[in-house]
Amino acid sequence: MITKYAFLATALVVIGGLGFEPSIVAAQTVKKPLTRVITPQTTVTTFQTPNYSIRVFRQGSQTRMNVFDKKTNKLQLNAAPVQVQNSDQQTSYTSSEGERLFRISVDGSGNKSVEINAPGQVVQETTN
């Protein structure tokens, strides 16, 4: 990151005869605020089940997913890239983290589901 500095110089001139030195210069460096480029996000789908809050969104050209676990109050996935699978019946968004596989499905009628597969555990919740 390149940080730009603005140099600010202040000159103090004191009128002779008041007992001060005729010229004093003080300098100060001021850091300009950083400018961030924020990629716009477009929500593809968002929904809640009894235990999860889900959001699938596009950020630039990439589709991503957030999965929030309400029971543990923790974000399980944060802007995780997803693979998108389209069929006549539904669209699925899949992402993995470690040994866990997250699949969000949206059917043609608007029903949505979340499925989380982990070793020895499968969680599936739907909306209607």
C-alpha atoms as a PDB file:
ATOM      1  CA  MET A   1       0.000   0.000   0.000  1.00  0.00           C
ATOM      2  CA  ILE A   2       1.269   3.410  -0.831  1.00  0.00           C
ATOM      3  CA  THR A   3       0.665   5.987   1.832  1.00  0.00           C
ATOM      4  CA  LYS A   4       0.781   9.572   0.783  1.00  0.00           C
ATOM      5  CA  TYR A   5       1.769  12.271   3.161  1.00  0.00           C
ATOM      6  CA  ALA A   6       0.913  15.875   2.977  1.00  0.00           C
ATOM      7  CA  PHE A   7       3.521  18.226   4.324  1.00  0.00           C
ATOM      8  CA  LEU A   8       2.141  21.119   6.213  1.00  0.00           C
ATOM      9  CA  ALA A   9       4.451  23.923   7.137  1.00  0.00           C
ATOM     10  CA  THR A  10       3.518  26.738   9.387  1.00  0.00           C
ATOM     11  CA  ALA A  11       5.681  29.776   9.638  1.00  0.00           C
ATOM     12  CA  LEU A  12       5.478  31.966  12.607  1.00  0.00           C
ATOM     13  CA  VAL A  13       6.744  35.447  12.122  1.00  0.00           C
ATOM     14  CA  VAL A  14       7.102  37.542  15.159  1.00  0.00           C
ATOM     15  CA  ILE A  15       7.303  41.268  14.972  1.00  0.00           C
ATOM     16  CA  GLY A  16      10.679  42.589  16.062  1.00  0.00           C
ATOM     17  CA  GLY A  17      10.794  44.623  19.197  1.00  0.00           C
ATOM     18  CA  LEU A  18       8.618  42.258  21.255  1.00  0.00           C
ATOM     19  CA  GLY A  19      11.633  40.349  22.534  1.00  0.00           C
ATOM     20  CA  PHE A  20      11.218  37.228  20.347  1.00  0.00           C
ATOM     21  CA  GLU A  21      13.403  35.808  17.607  1.00  0.00           C
ATOM     22  CA  PRO A  22      12.404  37.327  14.289  1.00  0.00           C
ATOM     23  CA  SER A  23      11.539  34.023  12.512  1.00  0.00           C
ATOM     24  CA  ILE A  24      10.515  30.521  13.739  1.00  0.00           C
ATOM     25  CA  VAL A  25       9.345  27.682  11.436  1.00  0.00           C
ATOM     26  CA  ALA A  26       7.446  24.631  12.710  1.00  0.00           C
ATOM     27  CA  ALA A  27       6.693  21.613  10.457  1.00  0.00           C
ATOM     28  CA  GLN A  28       4.069  18.897  10.883  1.00  0.00           C
ATOM     29  CA  THR A  29       3.414  15.717   8.855  1.00  0.00           C
ATOM     30  CA  VAL A  30      -0.230  14.743   8.347  1.00  0.00           C
ATOM     31  CA  LYS A  31      -1.246  11.244   7.135  1.00  0.00           C
ATOM     32  CA  LYS A  32      -4.067  11.228   4.589  1.00  0.00           C
ATOM     33  CA  PRO A  33      -6.910   8.740   5.156  1.00  0.00           C
ATOM     34  CA  LEU A  34      -6.660   5.472   3.224  1.00  0.00           C
ATOM     35  CA  THR A  35      -8.956   5.000   0.281  1.00  0.00           C
ATOM     36  CA  ARG A  36     -10.413   1.502  -0.188  1.00  0.00           C
ATOM     37  CA  VAL A  37     -12.025   0.167  -3.304  1.00  0.00           C
ATOM     38  CA  ILE A  38     -15.179  -1.681  -2.266  1.00  0.00           C
ATOM     39  CA  THR A  39     -16.512  -4.227  -4.729  1.00  0.00           C
ATOM     40  CA  PRO A  40     -20.315  -3.989  -4.917  1.00  0.00           C
ATOM     41  CA  GLN A  41     -22.314  -6.958  -3.659  1.00  0.00           C
ATOM     42  CA  THR A  42     -25.615  -8.234  -5.020  1.00  0.00           C
ATOM     43  CA  THR A  43     -27.708 -10.628  -2.923  1.00  0.00           C
ATOM     44  CA  VAL A  44     -28.738 -13.758  -4.840  1.00  0.00           C
ATOM     45  CA  THR A  45     -30.763 -15.306  -2.013  1.00  0.00           C
ATOM     46  CA  THR A  46     -31.094 -14.870   1.710  1.00  0.00           C
ATOM     47  CA  PHE A  47     -33.145 -16.845   4.222  1.00  0.00           C
ATOM     48  CA  GLN A  48     -33.396 -18.074   7.790  1.00  0.00           C
ATOM     49  CA  THR A  49     -34.083 -21.484   9.266  1.00  0.00           C
ATOM     50  CA  PRO A  50     -34.578 -22.149  12.979  1.00  0.00           C
ATOM     51  CA  ASN A  51     -30.797 -22.562  13.446  1.00  0.00           C
ATOM     52  CA  TYR A  52     -29.118 -20.759  10.527  1.00  0.00           C
ATOM     53  CA  SER A  53     -29.048 -17.441   8.674  1.00  0.00           C
ATOM     54  CA  ILE A  54     -27.938 -17.822   5.069  1.00  0.00           C
ATOM     55  CA  ARG A  55     -26.861 -15.317   2.439  1.00  0.00           C
ATOM     56  CA  VAL A  56     -25.631 -16.103  -1.076  1.00  0.00           C
ATOM     57  CA  PHE A  57     -24.319 -13.089  -2.975  1.00  0.00           C
ATOM     58  CA  ARG A  58     -22.229 -11.977  -5.926  1.00  0.00           C
ATOM     59  CA  GLN A  59     -19.136  -9.924  -5.301  1.00  0.00           C
ATOM     60  CA  GLY A  60     -17.745  -8.779  -8.616  1.00  0.00           C
ATOM     61  CA  SER A  61     -17.847 -11.851 -10.846  1.00  0.00           C
ATOM     62  CA  GLN A  62     -17.675 -14.386  -7.992  1.00  0.00           C
ATOM     63  CA  THR A  63     -20.588 -15.971  -6.108  1.00  0.00           C
ATOM     64  CA  ARG A  64     -20.028 -16.294  -2.338  1.00  0.00           C
ATOM     65  CA  MET A  65     -21.858 -17.548   0.746  1.00  0.00           C
ATOM     66  CA  ASN A  66     -22.266 -16.597   4.419  1.00  0.00           C
ATOM     67  CA  VAL A  67     -23.618 -19.151   6.898  1.00  0.00           C
ATOM     68  CA  PHE A  68     -24.336 -17.989  10.452  1.00  0.00           C
ATOM     69  CA  ASP A  69     -25.079 -20.553  13.179  1.00  0.00           C
ATOM     70  CA  LYS A  70     -27.673 -19.035  15.537  1.00  0.00           C
ATOM     71  CA  LYS A  71     -27.165 -21.686  18.246  1.00  0.00           C
ATOM     72  CA  THR A  72     -23.430 -21.024  18.623  1.00  0.00           C
ATOM     73  CA  ASN A  73     -23.658 -17.376  17.525  1.00  0.00           C
ATOM     74  CA  LYS A  74     -20.768 -17.965  15.093  1.00  0.00           C
ATOM     75  CA  LEU A  75     -20.201 -17.324  11.425  1.00  0.00           C
ATOM     76  CA  GLN A  76     -19.508 -20.742   9.874  1.00  0.00           C
ATOM     77  CA  LEU A  77     -18.707 -19.371   6.403  1.00  0.00           C
ATOM     78  CA  ASN A  78     -17.717 -15.791   5.632  1.00  0.00           C
ATOM     79  CA  ALA A  79     -17.782 -14.769   1.964  1.00  0.00           C
ATOM     80  CA  ALA A  80     -16.727 -18.294   0.975  1.00  0.00           C
ATOM     81  CA  PRO A  81     -16.536 -18.907  -2.792  1.00  0.00           C
ATOM     82  CA  VAL A  82     -19.207 -21.314  -4.050  1.00  0.00           C
ATOM     83  CA  GLN A  83     -19.780 -23.609  -6.985  1.00  0.00           C
ATOM     84  CA  VAL A  84     -23.146 -23.036  -8.667  1.00  0.00           C
ATOM     85  CA  GLN A  85     -25.133 -25.951 -10.140  1.00  0.00           C
ATOM     86  CA  ASN A  86     -28.283 -25.180 -12.108  1.00  0.00           C
ATOM     87  CA  SER A  87     -30.939 -27.727 -13.096  1.00  0.00           C
ATOM     88  CA  ASP A  88     -34.576 -27.527 -14.178  1.00  0.00           C
ATOM     89  CA  GLN A  89     -35.754 -28.187 -10.617  1.00  0.00           C
ATOM     90  CA  GLN A  90     -33.319 -26.145  -8.505  1.00  0.00           C
ATOM     91  CA  THR A  91     -30.137 -24.136  -8.141  1.00  0.00           C
ATOM     92  CA  SER A  92     -27.525 -25.315  -5.637  1.00  0.00           C
ATOM     93  CA  TYR A  93     -24.637 -23.366  -4.136  1.00  0.00           C
ATOM     94  CA  THR A  94     -21.859 -25.501  -2.644  1.00  0.00           C
ATOM     95  CA  SER A  95     -18.815 -24.592  -0.589  1.00  0.00           C
ATOM     96  CA  SER A  96     -16.509 -26.498   1.724  1.00  0.00           C
ATOM     97  CA  GLU A  97     -14.386 -25.649   4.710  1.00  0.00           C
ATOM     98  CA  GLY A  98     -12.112 -28.307   6.139  1.00  0.00           C
ATOM     99  CA  GLU A  99     -14.121 -31.532   6.244  1.00  0.00           C
ATOM    100  CA  ARG A 100     -17.491 -29.780   6.154  1.00  0.00           C
ATOM    101  CA  LEU A 101     -19.561 -29.395   2.982  1.00  0.00           C
ATOM    102  CA  PHE A 102     -22.219 -26.651   2.842  1.00  0.00           C
ATOM    103  CA  ARG A 103     -24.995 -26.851   0.221  1.00  0.00           C
ATOM    104  CA  ILE A 104     -27.729 -24.249  -0.218  1.00  0.00           C
ATOM    105  CA  SER A 105     -30.570 -25.194  -2.570  1.00  0.00           C
ATOM    106  CA  VAL A 106     -33.381 -23.068  -4.002  1.00  0.00           C
ATOM    107  CA  ASP A 107     -36.123 -24.804  -5.986  1.00  0.00           C
ATOM    108  CA  GLY A 108     -38.433 -23.351  -8.645  1.00  0.00           C
ATOM    109  CA  SER A 109     -41.207 -22.747  -6.071  1.00  0.00           C
ATOM    110  CA  GLY A 110     -38.919 -20.655  -3.890  1.00  0.00           C
ATOM    111  CA  ASN A 111     -38.354 -23.314  -1.200  1.00  0.00           C
ATOM    112  CA  LYS A 112     -34.862 -23.055   0.249  1.00  0.00           C
ATOM    113  CA  SER A 113     -32.729 -25.479   2.223  1.00  0.00           C
ATOM    114  CA  VAL A 114     -29.347 -25.667   3.902  1.00  0.00           C
ATOM    115  CA  GLU A 115     -27.437 -28.934   4.208  1.00  0.00           C
ATOM    116  CA  ILE A 116     -24.201 -29.255   6.174  1.00  0.00           C
ATOM    117  CA  ASN A 117     -22.256 -32.493   5.919  1.00  0.00           C
ATOM    118  CA  ALA A 118     -19.485 -33.115   8.421  1.00  0.00           C
ATOM    119  CA  PRO A 119     -17.832 -36.365   9.505  1.00  0.00           C
ATOM    120  CA  GLY A 120     -20.469 -38.285  11.462  1.00  0.00           C
ATOM    121  CA  GLN A 121     -23.041 -35.501  11.182  1.00  0.00           C
ATOM    122  CA  VAL A 122     -25.537 -34.290   8.586  1.00  0.00           C
ATOM    123  CA  VAL A 123     -27.697 -31.239   9.270  1.00  0.00           C
ATOM    124  CA  GLN A 124     -30.534 -30.317   6.924  1.00  0.00           C
ATOM    125  CA  GLU A 125     -33.071 -27.515   7.421  1.00  0.00           C
ATOM    126  CA  THR A 126     -35.647 -26.064   5.032  1.00  0.00           C
ATOM    127  CA  THR A 127     -37.967 -23.099   4.669  1.00  0.00           C
ATOM    128  CA  ASN A 128     -41.432 -23.150   3.079  1.00  0.00           C
END
